[in-house]
């Protein structure tokens, strides 16, 4: 039986593996659930996405996210951001492709925990990336990322980014 509310310190994030049961995961968003249950393994094997799972002390998967390499058009960035960058047409970025928490665990801070883990992995990577990019699935997701200091790309409602230099400074300030 799953613990009802394990503390964040008792959680861990693992690379998705065959030991993680995906069958009963239900975030409440069909597309995210279907992807996790049927396609995520294939994307991992083909190096399309790197999947990570939030594991409770009893082994239950409470959430997941994926990271992939991507790029941004320099012209798609806000002017004040773009003018600080070299004039390459494309800027390297990391895509947080999907992030979901099982609805049984909504409201416990697990989404923020997963996002912090993803940001930490991006900052620690040896591969150059200017920003972490997200495509918010809906307005609730957009508001979540905005609360986490992500900036909306001009001319879009649900594409947001946060410069990795900004994220790195956040971790330095917190001592993490």
C-alpha atoms as a PDB file:
ATOM      1  CA  UNK A   1       0.000   0.000   0.000  1.00  0.00           C
ATOM      2  CA  UNK A   2       1.352   3.449  -0.933  1.00  0.00           C
ATOM      3  CA  UNK A   3       2.125   5.941   1.783  1.00  0.00           C
ATOM      4  CA  UNK A   4      -0.467   8.672   1.836  1.00  0.00           C
ATOM      5  CA  UNK A   5       1.944  11.591   2.073  1.00  0.00           C
ATOM      6  CA  UNK A   6       5.641  10.778   2.180  1.00  0.00           C
ATOM      7  CA  UNK A   7       7.904  13.752   2.851  1.00  0.00           C
ATOM      8  CA  UNK A   8       9.830  15.144  -0.091  1.00  0.00           C
ATOM      9  CA  UNK A   9      13.066  13.952   1.507  1.00  0.00           C
ATOM     10  CA  UNK A  10      11.934  10.319   1.142  1.00  0.00           C
ATOM     11  CA  UNK A  11      11.333  10.626  -2.597  1.00  0.00           C
ATOM     12  CA  UNK A  12      13.750   9.771  -5.377  1.00  0.00           C
ATOM     13  CA  UNK A  13      13.876  10.385  -9.101  1.00  0.00           C
ATOM     14  CA  UNK A  14      15.177   7.512 -11.224  1.00  0.00           C
ATOM     15  CA  UNK A  15      15.841   6.992 -14.888  1.00  0.00           C
ATOM     16  CA  UNK A  16      12.810   5.032 -16.131  1.00  0.00           C
ATOM     17  CA  UNK A  17      13.496   1.296 -16.133  1.00  0.00           C
ATOM     18  CA  UNK A  18      11.612  -1.998 -16.507  1.00  0.00           C
ATOM     19  CA  UNK A  19      11.123  -2.169 -12.715  1.00  0.00           C
ATOM     20  CA  UNK A  20       8.806   0.862 -12.813  1.00  0.00           C
ATOM     21  CA  UNK A  21       5.148  -0.122 -13.175  1.00  0.00           C
ATOM     22  CA  UNK A  22       3.455   2.288 -15.596  1.00  0.00           C
ATOM     23  CA  UNK A  23       0.127   0.508 -16.032  1.00  0.00           C
ATOM     24  CA  UNK A  24      -1.936   2.364 -13.434  1.00  0.00           C
ATOM     25  CA  UNK A  25      -0.491   5.863 -13.801  1.00  0.00           C
ATOM     26  CA  UNK A  26      -3.284   8.405 -14.249  1.00  0.00           C
ATOM     27  CA  UNK A  27      -2.564  12.129 -14.211  1.00  0.00           C
ATOM     28  CA  UNK A  28      -5.991  13.080 -15.469  1.00  0.00           C
ATOM     29  CA  UNK A  29      -4.633  14.144 -18.883  1.00  0.00           C
ATOM     30  CA  UNK A  30      -5.240  11.316 -21.346  1.00  0.00           C
ATOM     31  CA  UNK A  31      -2.433  12.283 -23.733  1.00  0.00           C
ATOM     32  CA  UNK A  32       0.160  12.338 -20.920  1.00  0.00           C
ATOM     33  CA  UNK A  33      -1.088   9.052 -19.463  1.00  0.00           C
ATOM     34  CA  UNK A  34      -1.198   7.288 -22.830  1.00  0.00           C
ATOM     35  CA  UNK A  35       2.323   8.493 -23.642  1.00  0.00           C
ATOM     36  CA  UNK A  36       3.667   7.244 -20.299  1.00  0.00           C
ATOM     37  CA  UNK A  37       1.934   3.882 -20.544  1.00  0.00           C
ATOM     38  CA  UNK A  38       2.662   3.076 -24.196  1.00  0.00           C
ATOM     39  CA  UNK A  39       5.277   5.298 -25.891  1.00  0.00           C
ATOM     40  CA  UNK A  40       7.828   6.502 -23.350  1.00  0.00           C
ATOM     41  CA  UNK A  41       9.914   3.306 -23.448  1.00  0.00           C
ATOM     42  CA  UNK A  42      10.216   3.462 -27.222  1.00  0.00           C
ATOM     43  CA  UNK A  43      11.291   7.117 -27.091  1.00  0.00           C
ATOM     44  CA  UNK A  44      13.944   6.204 -24.513  1.00  0.00           C
ATOM     45  CA  UNK A  45      15.288   3.277 -26.577  1.00  0.00           C
ATOM     46  CA  UNK A  46      15.519   5.461 -29.689  1.00  0.00           C
ATOM     47  CA  UNK A  47      17.169   8.343 -27.770  1.00  0.00           C
ATOM     48  CA  UNK A  48      14.275  10.668 -28.575  1.00  0.00           C
ATOM     49  CA  UNK A  49      13.615  11.512 -24.917  1.00  0.00           C
ATOM     50  CA  UNK A  50      15.271  10.778 -21.583  1.00  0.00           C
ATOM     51  CA  UNK A  51      12.504   9.770 -19.133  1.00  0.00           C
ATOM     52  CA  UNK A  52      12.717  10.154 -15.365  1.00  0.00           C
ATOM     53  CA  UNK A  53      10.231   8.924 -12.760  1.00  0.00           C
ATOM     54  CA  UNK A  54       9.378  10.117  -9.263  1.00  0.00           C
ATOM     55  CA  UNK A  55       9.356   7.041  -7.032  1.00  0.00           C
ATOM     56  CA  UNK A  56       7.682   6.819  -3.632  1.00  0.00           C
ATOM     57  CA  UNK A  57       9.299   4.768  -0.839  1.00  0.00           C
ATOM     58  CA  UNK A  58       7.058   1.779  -1.678  1.00  0.00           C
ATOM     59  CA  UNK A  59       8.136   1.819  -5.345  1.00  0.00           C
ATOM     60  CA  UNK A  60       4.995   3.490  -6.710  1.00  0.00           C
ATOM     61  CA  UNK A  61       5.598   5.857  -9.623  1.00  0.00           C
ATOM     62  CA  UNK A  62       4.001   9.175  -8.628  1.00  0.00           C
ATOM     63  CA  UNK A  63       5.125  11.258 -11.608  1.00  0.00           C
ATOM     64  CA  UNK A  64       7.446  11.573 -14.557  1.00  0.00           C
ATOM     65  CA  UNK A  65       9.140  13.979 -16.935  1.00  0.00           C
ATOM     66  CA  UNK A  66      11.195  13.800 -20.116  1.00  0.00           C
ATOM     67  CA  UNK A  67      14.169  15.796 -21.359  1.00  0.00           C
ATOM     68  CA  UNK A  68      15.390  16.149 -24.948  1.00  0.00           C
ATOM     69  CA  UNK A  69      17.743  18.315 -26.936  1.00  0.00           C
ATOM     70  CA  UNK A  70      16.104  21.037 -29.002  1.00  0.00           C
ATOM     71  CA  UNK A  71      16.775  24.518 -30.332  1.00  0.00           C
ATOM     72  CA  UNK A  72      15.033  27.868 -30.395  1.00  0.00           C
ATOM     73  CA  UNK A  73      14.932  30.370 -33.206  1.00  0.00           C
ATOM     74  CA  UNK A  74      16.850  33.411 -31.990  1.00  0.00           C
ATOM     75  CA  UNK A  75      14.052  35.559 -33.413  1.00  0.00           C
ATOM     76  CA  UNK A  76      11.492  33.703 -31.231  1.00  0.00           C
ATOM     77  CA  UNK A  77      13.096  34.968 -28.016  1.00  0.00           C
ATOM     78  CA  UNK A  78      12.125  38.264 -26.391  1.00  0.00           C
ATOM     79  CA  UNK A  79      14.194  41.093 -27.905  1.00  0.00           C
ATOM     80  CA  UNK A  80      15.916  41.918 -24.596  1.00  0.00           C
ATOM     81  CA  UNK A  81      17.048  38.292 -24.289  1.00  0.00           C
ATOM     82  CA  UNK A  82      18.030  37.838 -27.941  1.00  0.00           C
ATOM     83  CA  UNK A  83      20.252  40.916 -28.056  1.00  0.00           C
ATOM     84  CA  UNK A  84      22.495  39.401 -25.360  1.00  0.00           C
ATOM     85  CA  UNK A  85      23.175  36.291 -27.470  1.00  0.00           C
ATOM     86  CA  UNK A  86      25.386  35.635 -30.512  1.00  0.00           C
ATOM     87  CA  UNK A  87      23.558  36.160 -33.792  1.00  0.00           C
ATOM     88  CA  UNK A  88      23.206  32.483 -34.637  1.00  0.00           C
ATOM     89  CA  UNK A  89      19.813  31.660 -36.162  1.00  0.00           C
ATOM     90  CA  UNK A  90      19.311  28.770 -33.704  1.00  0.00           C
ATOM     91  CA  UNK A  91      20.056  28.720 -29.987  1.00  0.00           C
ATOM     92  CA  UNK A  92      20.591  25.347 -28.241  1.00  0.00           C
ATOM     93  CA  UNK A  93      18.044  24.483 -25.578  1.00  0.00           C
ATOM     94  CA  UNK A  94      16.729  21.567 -23.549  1.00  0.00           C
ATOM     95  CA  UNK A  95      13.091  20.564 -23.913  1.00  0.00           C
ATOM     96  CA  UNK A  96      11.100  19.481 -20.888  1.00  0.00           C
ATOM     97  CA  UNK A  97       8.746  17.563 -23.159  1.00  0.00           C
ATOM     98  CA  UNK A  98       6.313  16.201 -20.639  1.00  0.00           C
ATOM     99  CA  UNK A  99       5.790  16.464 -16.898  1.00  0.00           C
ATOM    100  CA  UNK A 100       2.914  14.786 -15.091  1.00  0.00           C
ATOM    101  CA  UNK A 101       1.943  13.733 -11.570  1.00  0.00           C
ATOM    102  CA  UNK A 102      -0.493  10.925 -10.851  1.00  0.00           C
ATOM    103  CA  UNK A 103      -3.785  12.510  -9.743  1.00  0.00           C
ATOM    104  CA  UNK A 104      -3.671  10.545  -6.483  1.00  0.00           C
ATOM    105  CA  UNK A 105      -0.711  12.750  -5.529  1.00  0.00           C
ATOM    106  CA  UNK A 106      -1.793  16.164  -6.826  1.00  0.00           C
ATOM    107  CA  UNK A 107      -1.340  19.076  -4.439  1.00  0.00           C
ATOM    108  CA  UNK A 108       1.686  17.651  -2.601  1.00  0.00           C
ATOM    109  CA  UNK A 109       4.459  19.586  -4.330  1.00  0.00           C
ATOM    110  CA  UNK A 110       5.540  16.679  -6.519  1.00  0.00           C
ATOM    111  CA  UNK A 111       5.276  18.708  -9.744  1.00  0.00           C
ATOM    112  CA  UNK A 112       7.652  21.300  -8.336  1.00  0.00           C
ATOM    113  CA  UNK A 113       9.933  18.519  -7.091  1.00  0.00           C
ATOM    114  CA  UNK A 114      10.075  16.988 -10.574  1.00  0.00           C
ATOM    115  CA  UNK A 115      10.696  20.396 -12.171  1.00  0.00           C
ATOM    116  CA  UNK A 116      13.525  21.123  -9.714  1.00  0.00           C
ATOM    117  CA  UNK A 117      15.088  17.751 -10.514  1.00  0.00           C
ATOM    118  CA  UNK A 118      14.859  18.458 -14.260  1.00  0.00           C
ATOM    119  CA  UNK A 119      16.402  21.911 -13.806  1.00  0.00           C
ATOM    120  CA  UNK A 120      19.215  20.449 -11.684  1.00  0.00           C
ATOM    121  CA  UNK A 121      19.985  17.852 -14.372  1.00  0.00           C
ATOM    122  CA  UNK A 122      20.079  20.565 -17.039  1.00  0.00           C
ATOM    123  CA  UNK A 123      22.455  22.744 -15.029  1.00  0.00           C
ATOM    124  CA  UNK A 124      24.769  19.794 -14.312  1.00  0.00           C
ATOM    125  CA  UNK A 125      24.878  18.671 -17.954  1.00  0.00           C
ATOM    126  CA  UNK A 126      28.099  19.122 -19.867  1.00  0.00           C
ATOM    127  CA  UNK A 127      26.137  19.767 -23.058  1.00  0.00           C
ATOM    128  CA  UNK A 128      25.646  23.444 -23.901  1.00  0.00           C
ATOM    129  CA  UNK A 129      22.088  24.667 -23.601  1.00  0.00           C
ATOM    130  CA  UNK A 130      20.905  28.257 -23.299  1.00  0.00           C
ATOM    131  CA  UNK A 131      17.486  27.560 -21.779  1.00  0.00           C
ATOM    132  CA  UNK A 132      15.000  25.028 -20.527  1.00  0.00           C
ATOM    133  CA  UNK A 133      11.972  25.131 -22.836  1.00  0.00           C
ATOM    134  CA  UNK A 134       8.469  23.859 -22.040  1.00  0.00           C
ATOM    135  CA  UNK A 135       5.261  23.509 -24.020  1.00  0.00           C
ATOM    136  CA  UNK A 136       2.538  23.900 -21.409  1.00  0.00           C
ATOM    137  CA  UNK A 137      -0.275  21.456 -22.113  1.00  0.00           C
ATOM    138  CA  UNK A 138      -3.009  23.790 -20.890  1.00  0.00           C
ATOM    139  CA  UNK A 139      -3.531  27.053 -19.004  1.00  0.00           C
ATOM    140  CA  UNK A 140      -3.063  25.380 -15.607  1.00  0.00           C
ATOM    141  CA  UNK A 141       0.326  24.072 -16.716  1.00  0.00           C
ATOM    142  CA  UNK A 142       1.234  27.508 -18.114  1.00  0.00           C
ATOM    143  CA  UNK A 143       0.424  29.134 -14.774  1.00  0.00           C
ATOM    144  CA  UNK A 144       2.516  26.491 -12.964  1.00  0.00           C
ATOM    145  CA  UNK A 145       5.572  27.309 -15.108  1.00  0.00           C
ATOM    146  CA  UNK A 146       4.990  31.050 -14.769  1.00  0.00           C
ATOM    147  CA  UNK A 147       4.993  30.640 -10.957  1.00  0.00           C
ATOM    148  CA  UNK A 148       8.364  28.914 -11.415  1.00  0.00           C
ATOM    149  CA  UNK A 149       9.718  32.053 -13.178  1.00  0.00           C
ATOM    150  CA  UNK A 150       9.464  30.732 -16.732  1.00  0.00           C
ATOM    151  CA  UNK A 151       8.970  33.431 -19.361  1.00  0.00           C
ATOM    152  CA  UNK A 152       6.491  33.225 -22.204  1.00  0.00           C
ATOM    153  CA  UNK A 153       7.952  33.317 -25.693  1.00  0.00           C
ATOM    154  CA  UNK A 154       6.531  36.246 -27.688  1.00  0.00           C
ATOM    155  CA  UNK A 155       3.604  35.382 -29.955  1.00  0.00           C
ATOM    156  CA  UNK A 156       2.834  32.162 -28.052  1.00  0.00           C
ATOM    157  CA  UNK A 157       0.586  31.371 -25.141  1.00  0.00           C
ATOM    158  CA  UNK A 158       2.010  28.096 -23.978  1.00  0.00           C
ATOM    159  CA  UNK A 159       5.677  27.996 -24.970  1.00  0.00           C
ATOM    160  CA  UNK A 160       7.811  29.152 -22.073  1.00  0.00           C
ATOM    161  CA  UNK A 161      11.506  29.196 -21.275  1.00  0.00           C
ATOM    162  CA  UNK A 162      13.905  29.876 -18.462  1.00  0.00           C
ATOM    163  CA  UNK A 163      17.582  30.634 -19.162  1.00  0.00           C
ATOM    164  CA  UNK A 164      19.902  28.026 -17.662  1.00  0.00           C
ATOM    165  CA  UNK A 165      22.136  30.797 -16.293  1.00  0.00           C
ATOM    166  CA  UNK A 166      19.115  31.923 -14.269  1.00  0.00           C
ATOM    167  CA  UNK A 167      18.498  28.355 -13.080  1.00  0.00           C
ATOM    168  CA  UNK A 168      22.171  27.871 -12.181  1.00  0.00           C
ATOM    169  CA  UNK A 169      22.104  31.052 -10.098  1.00  0.00           C
ATOM    170  CA  UNK A 170      19.004  29.753  -8.313  1.00  0.00           C
ATOM    171  CA  UNK A 171      20.821  26.566  -7.287  1.00  0.00           C
ATOM    172  CA  UNK A 172      23.924  28.501  -6.226  1.00  0.00           C
ATOM    173  CA  UNK A 173      21.808  30.755  -4.005  1.00  0.00           C
ATOM    174  CA  UNK A 174      20.128  27.766  -2.388  1.00  0.00           C
ATOM    175  CA  UNK A 175      23.385  25.892  -1.948  1.00  0.00           C
ATOM    176  CA  UNK A 176      22.013  22.888  -3.857  1.00  0.00           C
END
